[in-house]
Protein backbone atom coordinates (compact mmCIF):
# COMPACT_ATOMS: atom_id res chain seq x y z
CA MET A 1 12.85 -19.67 -18.64
CA TYR A 2 15.62 -18.32 -20.64
CA ARG A 3 18.53 -19.99 -22.21
CA ASP A 4 22.10 -18.81 -22.35
CA ASP A 5 21.94 -18.50 -25.96
CA TYR A 6 18.65 -16.60 -25.93
CA MET A 7 18.31 -13.37 -27.38
CA PRO A 8 14.79 -11.49 -26.87
CA LYS A 9 13.02 -9.59 -29.47
CA TYR A 10 12.73 -6.52 -27.65
CA THR A 11 14.17 -4.98 -24.64
CA ILE A 12 12.34 -1.83 -22.69
CA GLN A 13 14.54 0.11 -20.34
CA ILE A 14 12.92 2.26 -17.53
CA ASN A 15 14.44 5.10 -15.59
CA THR A 16 13.23 4.42 -11.98
CA LYS A 17 14.06 6.67 -9.01
CA VAL A 18 16.47 3.91 -8.27
CA GLY A 19 17.71 3.08 -11.45
CA TRP A 20 17.15 1.56 -15.06
CA LEU A 21 15.02 -1.30 -14.87
CA SER A 22 15.47 -3.65 -18.25
CA ILE A 23 12.70 -5.55 -19.30
CA ASN A 24 13.02 -8.35 -22.20
CA PHE A 25 10.05 -9.61 -24.29
CA ASP A 26 9.24 -11.48 -27.64
CA THR A 27 5.56 -9.87 -27.65
CA LEU A 28 3.34 -7.51 -26.26
CA GLU A 29 1.64 -9.81 -24.25
CA GLU A 30 4.76 -11.04 -22.96
CA LEU A 31 5.37 -7.32 -21.72
CA GLY A 32 2.04 -6.72 -20.48
CA ARG A 33 2.68 -9.95 -18.11
CA ALA A 34 6.11 -8.49 -17.17
CA LEU A 35 4.84 -5.33 -16.32
CA LYS A 36 1.95 -6.64 -14.45
CA ASP A 37 4.08 -8.97 -12.15
CA LEU A 38 6.61 -6.30 -11.78
CA ASP A 39 6.10 -4.97 -7.79
CA LEU A 40 8.24 -1.76 -7.97
CA GLU A 41 7.47 -0.86 -4.64
CA GLY A 42 8.77 -4.22 -3.47
CA VAL A 43 11.89 -3.44 -5.37
CA ASP A 44 12.40 0.15 -4.04
CA GLU A 45 11.75 -1.42 -0.77
CA GLU A 46 14.45 -4.18 -1.14
CA ILE A 47 16.78 -1.93 -2.60
CA SER A 48 16.50 0.51 -0.01
CA LYS A 49 16.79 -1.56 2.83
CA ASN A 50 19.83 -3.37 1.53
CA ILE A 51 21.82 -0.49 -0.30
CA GLY A 52 19.73 2.73 0.45
CA LYS A 53 22.32 4.76 2.31
CA LEU A 54 24.77 3.94 -0.76
CA LEU A 55 22.43 5.32 -2.95
CA ARG A 56 22.59 8.84 -4.48
CA ILE A 57 19.51 10.12 -4.87
CA GLN A 58 19.27 12.84 -7.62
CA VAL A 59 17.17 15.58 -6.70
CA ARG A 60 14.64 17.01 -9.17
CA GLN A 61 15.74 20.43 -10.46
CA PRO A 62 13.28 23.37 -10.61
CA LYS A 63 12.65 25.03 -13.83
CA PRO A 64 14.92 27.18 -15.20
CA GLY A 65 15.03 30.81 -13.91
CA PHE A 66 12.63 29.75 -10.98
CA GLU A 67 15.85 28.01 -8.59
CA GLY A 68 14.96 30.97 -6.27
CA VAL A 69 11.75 30.38 -5.98
CA TYR A 70 11.48 26.72 -4.95
CA ARG A 71 13.19 23.78 -4.94
CA PHE A 72 12.95 19.99 -4.58
CA THR A 73 13.75 17.89 -1.32
CA LYS A 74 15.48 14.41 -1.94
CA SER A 75 11.35 13.08 -0.77
CA ASP A 76 10.35 14.81 -3.91
CA LEU A 77 8.16 17.46 -2.13
CA VAL A 78 8.43 21.41 -3.32
CA GLU A 79 9.84 23.46 -1.00
CA LEU A 80 9.03 26.88 -1.16
CA VAL A 81 12.08 29.53 -1.10
CA TRP A 82 9.87 32.64 -1.53
CA VAL A 83 6.08 31.88 0.53
CA PRO A 84 3.55 34.28 -0.97
CA ASP A 85 1.65 36.01 1.67
CA ASN A 86 -1.94 34.93 0.06
CA MET A 87 -2.35 30.88 0.56
CA ALA A 88 -3.99 30.39 -2.70
CA GLU A 89 -0.96 31.74 -4.16
CA ALA A 90 1.35 29.51 -2.43
CA VAL A 91 -0.96 26.45 -3.55
CA ALA A 92 -0.77 27.31 -7.10
CA LEU A 93 2.94 27.61 -7.11
CA VAL A 94 3.51 24.75 -5.48
CA MET A 95 1.62 23.20 -8.16
CA PHE A 96 3.35 25.28 -10.54
CA ALA A 97 6.61 23.49 -9.31
CA TYR A 98 5.08 19.93 -10.13
CA HIS A 99 3.68 20.77 -13.42
CA PRO A 100 2.99 19.22 -15.90
CA GLU A 101 3.23 16.34 -13.10
CA PRO A 102 -0.31 16.34 -11.28
CA ALA A 103 0.68 16.22 -7.67
CA SER A 104 -1.09 14.86 -4.71
CA THR A 105 -3.11 16.88 -2.16
CA GLU A 106 -0.94 14.97 0.58
CA GLN A 107 2.10 16.67 -1.91
CA ILE A 108 0.53 19.91 -2.10
CA ALA A 109 -0.27 20.24 1.85
CA LEU A 110 3.20 19.08 2.80
CA SER A 111 4.86 21.82 0.57
CA SER A 112 2.39 24.62 0.91
CA GLY A 113 2.13 24.14 4.84
CA ILE A 114 -1.64 24.18 4.40
CA ASN A 115 -3.11 21.09 6.37
CA ASN A 116 -6.81 21.28 4.74
CA VAL A 117 -5.67 22.27 1.65
CA ALA A 118 -8.39 20.21 -0.50
CA SER A 119 -11.33 21.65 1.24
CA LEU A 120 -9.78 25.05 1.59
CA TYR A 121 -8.49 25.64 -2.10
CA LEU A 122 -8.48 22.61 -4.62
CA THR A 123 -12.29 22.23 -4.54
CA HIS A 124 -13.36 25.90 -3.34
CA THR A 125 -15.69 27.53 -6.27
CA ASN A 126 -13.58 30.44 -6.18
CA TYR A 127 -10.31 28.63 -6.94
CA LYS A 128 -11.35 25.57 -9.08
CA LYS A 129 -10.88 27.03 -12.17
CA PHE A 130 -6.94 27.57 -11.53
CA TRP A 131 -6.65 23.69 -11.08
CA SER A 132 -8.39 20.26 -12.09
CA LYS A 133 -8.35 16.89 -10.57
CA THR A 134 -7.24 14.09 -12.49
CA LYS A 135 -8.48 10.47 -12.83
CA ASN A 136 -6.20 9.26 -10.32
CA GLY A 137 -7.22 11.63 -7.27
CA LYS A 138 -4.70 14.03 -8.11
CA TYR A 139 -4.54 18.02 -9.18
CA ILE A 140 -2.97 19.75 -11.81
CA LEU A 141 -3.11 23.61 -12.78
CA SER A 142 -5.45 24.35 -15.36
CA TYR A 143 -4.39 27.31 -18.00
CA GLU A 144 -5.79 29.83 -16.35
CA GLY A 145 -3.93 28.46 -12.95
CA PHE A 146 -0.28 28.42 -15.27
CA GLU A 147 -1.25 31.84 -16.24
CA TRP A 148 -1.96 32.90 -12.94
CA VAL A 149 1.29 32.10 -11.96
CA LEU A 150 3.30 33.05 -14.82
CA LYS A 151 1.49 36.37 -15.37
CA LYS A 152 0.62 37.62 -11.54
CA ILE A 153 2.63 35.91 -8.96
CA ILE A 154 6.07 35.13 -10.41
CA PRO A 155 5.99 38.99 -11.07
CA LYS A 156 5.03 40.35 -7.92
CA ILE A 157 8.02 37.48 -6.42
CA LYS A 158 10.54 39.01 -8.67
CA ALA A 159 9.71 42.76 -7.55
CA ILE A 160 9.63 41.63 -4.54
CA SER A 161 12.92 39.61 -4.42
CA LYS A 162 14.62 42.81 -6.21
CA GLU A 163 13.35 44.96 -3.37
CA GLU A 164 14.79 43.02 -0.51
CA SER A 165 18.17 42.93 -2.69
CA ALA A 166 18.41 46.07 -3.96
CA PRO A 167 20.84 48.45 -1.96
CA PRO A 168 19.34 50.83 0.60
CA ASP A 169 18.62 54.54 -0.62
CA LYS A 170 20.94 57.38 0.80
CA GLU A 171 18.39 58.75 2.79
CA SER A 172 17.34 55.77 4.96
CA ALA A 173 21.03 55.04 5.21
CA VAL A 174 21.69 58.33 6.70
CA SER A 175 19.15 58.23 9.60
């Protein structure tokens, strides 16, 4: 119970997808209890139910320079603008978009369009070196995976997009 004249020793502000959340506390134990008691999913559900249509959801932006490769949807899924021919490359590209945050199998599957992405790619021995599984069961690019995307997949995308945007040569325009 707080009095009107009470001033907490500390205030922490957390930026959530529905706005800033402030928690006042005097001790670490108080903060721990407040965080433990906090039902963020319930808060999100109540806000969405009552004023959800009024909220402006800020869509996550792609890494600078990769706007033509992928984008994020309002539900924070990756949408590939350019889809590689190779499905393993599509998985790596999706994980690159989420990087450095880990992605769930569901996020990767929905974003890549590969239903059984875990058994085909995430746990397959040929590709395991490109990503690793986190303690909470999500996946993140490894150093080798990040390097594969930057040095092999992205240059291939840029070369193809240059070819597609180049004006036709004179010979093919005449025929």
